């Protein structure tokens, strides 16, 4: 059993579920913000490339 699995088994399941819900809500909000930076495009590949670039820029800014 990995250390992570051992720790997870010791956690209160309600607390772990609250953290999962918070993380999911946070990521949904980040997705909406990233998507709002990108103009609409008919080409899904271009849109996805721009989305990936927005994600990378956001991570770079966070590291600064």
N, C-alpha and C. Protein backbone atom coordinates (compact mmCIF):
# COMPACT_ATOMS: atom_id res chain seq x y z
N UNK A 1 0.86 -1.18 0.00
CA UNK A 1 0.00 0.00 0.00
C UNK A 1 0.90 1.24 0.00
N UNK A 2 0.59 2.18 -0.87
CA UNK A 2 1.40 3.40 -0.94
C UNK A 2 1.11 4.30 0.26
N UNK A 3 2.02 5.21 0.51
CA UNK A 3 1.82 6.16 1.61
C UNK A 3 0.55 6.97 1.41
N UNK A 4 0.30 7.36 0.15
CA UNK A 4 -0.90 8.14 -0.14
C UNK A 4 -2.16 7.36 0.25
N UNK A 5 -2.23 6.10 -0.15
CA UNK A 5 -3.41 5.29 0.18
C UNK A 5 -3.56 5.12 1.68
N UNK A 6 -2.45 4.98 2.40
CA UNK A 6 -2.52 4.84 3.86
C UNK A 6 -3.07 6.10 4.49
N UNK A 7 -2.65 7.24 3.99
CA UNK A 7 -3.14 8.52 4.53
C UNK A 7 -4.62 8.68 4.23
N UNK A 8 -5.02 8.36 3.00
CA UNK A 8 -6.42 8.51 2.61
C UNK A 8 -7.32 7.65 3.49
N UNK A 9 -6.88 6.46 3.85
CA UNK A 9 -7.69 5.58 4.68
C UNK A 9 -7.88 6.14 6.10
N UNK A 10 -6.95 6.99 6.55
CA UNK A 10 -7.05 7.56 7.88
C UNK A 10 -7.92 8.82 7.93
N UNK A 11 -8.22 9.39 6.78
CA UNK A 11 -8.98 10.64 6.72
C UNK A 11 -10.46 10.41 7.00
N UNK A 12 -11.07 11.45 7.51
CA UNK A 12 -12.53 11.46 7.65
C UNK A 12 -13.11 11.55 6.23
N UNK A 13 -13.93 10.62 5.80
CA UNK A 13 -14.46 10.62 4.42
C UNK A 13 -15.21 11.91 4.08
N UNK A 14 -15.89 12.50 5.06
CA UNK A 14 -16.62 13.74 4.78
C UNK A 14 -15.65 14.87 4.43
N UNK A 15 -14.54 14.93 5.16
CA UNK A 15 -13.53 15.97 4.91
C UNK A 15 -12.93 15.78 3.52
N UNK A 16 -12.61 14.53 3.17
CA UNK A 16 -12.05 14.25 1.86
C UNK A 16 -13.05 14.62 0.76
N UNK A 17 -14.33 14.33 0.96
CA UNK A 17 -15.35 14.68 -0.04
C UNK A 17 -15.48 16.19 -0.17
N UNK A 18 -15.42 16.91 0.93
CA UNK A 18 -15.46 18.38 0.87
C UNK A 18 -14.29 18.93 0.07
N UNK A 19 -13.11 18.36 0.27
CA UNK A 19 -11.93 18.81 -0.48
C UNK A 19 -12.08 18.50 -1.97
N UNK A 20 -12.61 17.34 -2.30
CA UNK A 20 -12.83 16.99 -3.71
C UNK A 20 -13.83 17.97 -4.34
N UNK A 21 -14.90 18.27 -3.64
CA UNK A 21 -15.90 19.19 -4.16
C UNK A 21 -15.31 20.58 -4.38
N UNK A 22 -14.51 21.04 -3.42
CA UNK A 22 -13.88 22.35 -3.54
C UNK A 22 -12.93 22.37 -4.75
N UNK A 23 -12.12 21.32 -4.91
CA UNK A 23 -11.18 21.26 -6.02
C UNK A 23 -11.91 21.24 -7.36
N UNK A 24 -13.00 20.50 -7.44
CA UNK A 24 -13.77 20.43 -8.68
C UNK A 24 -14.37 21.79 -9.01
N UNK A 25 -14.95 22.45 -8.02
CA UNK A 25 -15.54 23.78 -8.25
C UNK A 25 -14.47 24.76 -8.68
N UNK A 26 -13.30 24.70 -8.03
CA UNK A 26 -12.20 25.60 -8.38
C UNK A 26 -11.77 25.37 -9.83
N UNK A 27 -11.62 24.11 -10.22
CA UNK A 27 -11.17 23.82 -11.58
C UNK A 27 -12.23 24.23 -12.60
N UNK A 28 -13.50 24.09 -12.29
CA UNK A 28 -14.56 24.54 -13.20
C UNK A 28 -14.49 26.06 -13.39
N UNK A 29 -14.24 26.80 -12.30
CA UNK A 29 -14.12 28.25 -12.41
C UNK A 29 -12.90 28.63 -13.24
N UNK A 30 -11.77 27.93 -13.03
CA UNK A 30 -10.57 28.21 -13.81
C UNK A 30 -10.83 27.92 -15.29
N UNK A 31 -11.56 26.84 -15.58
CA UNK A 31 -11.88 26.52 -16.97
C UNK A 31 -12.69 27.64 -17.61
N UNK A 32 -13.68 28.15 -16.89
CA UNK A 32 -14.51 29.23 -17.44
C UNK A 32 -13.66 30.47 -17.72
N UNK A 33 -12.74 30.78 -16.82
CA UNK A 33 -11.89 31.95 -17.02
C UNK A 33 -10.97 31.74 -18.22
N UNK A 34 -10.30 30.57 -18.27
CA UNK A 34 -9.41 30.29 -19.40
C UNK A 34 -10.18 30.35 -20.72
N UNK A 35 -11.36 29.74 -20.74
CA UNK A 35 -12.15 29.72 -21.98
C UNK A 35 -12.57 31.13 -22.39
N UNK A 36 -12.78 32.01 -21.42
CA UNK A 36 -13.20 33.38 -21.74
C UNK A 36 -12.07 34.18 -22.39
N UNK A 37 -10.83 33.75 -22.20
CA UNK A 37 -9.69 34.44 -22.81
C UNK A 37 -9.57 34.15 -24.30
N UNK A 38 -10.24 33.11 -24.76
CA UNK A 38 -10.04 32.63 -26.12
C UNK A 38 -11.24 33.01 -26.98
N UNK A 39 -10.97 33.68 -28.11
CA UNK A 39 -12.10 34.00 -29.00
C UNK A 39 -12.68 32.71 -29.58
N UNK A 40 -13.95 32.75 -29.90
CA UNK A 40 -14.57 31.55 -30.47
C UNK A 40 -13.95 31.25 -31.82
N UNK A 41 -13.86 29.97 -32.10
CA UNK A 41 -13.23 29.54 -33.35
C UNK A 41 -14.00 28.34 -33.89
N UNK A 42 -14.06 28.26 -35.20
CA UNK A 42 -14.71 27.11 -35.83
C UNK A 42 -13.81 25.88 -35.78
N UNK A 43 -12.52 26.10 -35.63
CA UNK A 43 -11.54 25.02 -35.63
C UNK A 43 -11.27 24.56 -34.19
N UNK A 44 -11.73 23.36 -33.85
CA UNK A 44 -11.57 22.85 -32.49
C UNK A 44 -10.10 22.68 -32.11
N UNK A 45 -9.27 22.27 -33.07
CA UNK A 45 -7.84 22.07 -32.77
C UNK A 45 -7.18 23.39 -32.39
N UNK A 46 -7.51 24.45 -33.12
CA UNK A 46 -6.95 25.76 -32.80
C UNK A 46 -7.42 26.22 -31.43
N UNK A 47 -8.70 26.03 -31.15
CA UNK A 47 -9.24 26.45 -29.86
C UNK A 47 -8.55 25.70 -28.73
N UNK A 48 -8.37 24.38 -28.90
CA UNK A 48 -7.74 23.57 -27.87
C UNK A 48 -6.28 23.99 -27.68
N UNK A 49 -5.57 24.27 -28.77
CA UNK A 49 -4.18 24.74 -28.65
C UNK A 49 -4.12 26.04 -27.87
N UNK A 50 -5.03 26.95 -28.14
CA UNK A 50 -5.07 28.22 -27.42
C UNK A 50 -5.43 28.00 -25.95
N UNK A 51 -6.32 27.05 -25.71
CA UNK A 51 -6.70 26.74 -24.32
C UNK A 51 -5.49 26.20 -23.57
N UNK A 52 -4.74 25.29 -24.19
CA UNK A 52 -3.53 24.76 -23.57
C UNK A 52 -2.53 25.87 -23.29
N UNK A 53 -2.40 26.81 -24.22
CA UNK A 53 -1.49 27.92 -24.03
C UNK A 53 -1.95 28.80 -22.86
N UNK A 54 -3.25 29.03 -22.77
CA UNK A 54 -3.79 29.83 -21.66
C UNK A 54 -3.52 29.13 -20.33
N UNK A 55 -3.64 27.81 -20.30
CA UNK A 55 -3.35 27.05 -19.08
C UNK A 55 -1.89 27.19 -18.69
N UNK A 56 -1.00 27.09 -19.68
CA UNK A 56 0.43 27.22 -19.43
C UNK A 56 0.77 28.62 -18.92
N UNK A 57 0.20 29.63 -19.54
CA UNK A 57 0.44 31.02 -19.11
C UNK A 57 -0.04 31.21 -17.68
N UNK A 58 -1.22 30.69 -17.36
CA UNK A 58 -1.77 30.82 -16.02
C UNK A 58 -0.83 30.15 -15.00
N UNK A 59 -0.30 28.98 -15.33
CA UNK A 59 0.62 28.29 -14.43
C UNK A 59 1.93 29.06 -14.27
N UNK A 60 2.42 29.63 -15.37
CA UNK A 60 3.65 30.42 -15.30
C UNK A 60 3.47 31.64 -14.41
N UNK A 61 2.33 32.30 -14.54
CA UNK A 61 2.04 33.46 -13.70
C UNK A 61 1.99 33.05 -12.24
N UNK A 62 1.37 31.92 -11.96
CA UNK A 62 1.26 31.44 -10.58
C UNK A 62 2.63 31.14 -10.00
N UNK A 63 3.56 30.66 -10.82
CA UNK A 63 4.90 30.34 -10.33
C UNK A 63 5.71 31.61 -10.00
N UNK A 64 5.37 32.70 -10.69
CA UNK A 64 6.09 33.95 -10.42
C UNK A 64 5.67 34.47 -9.08
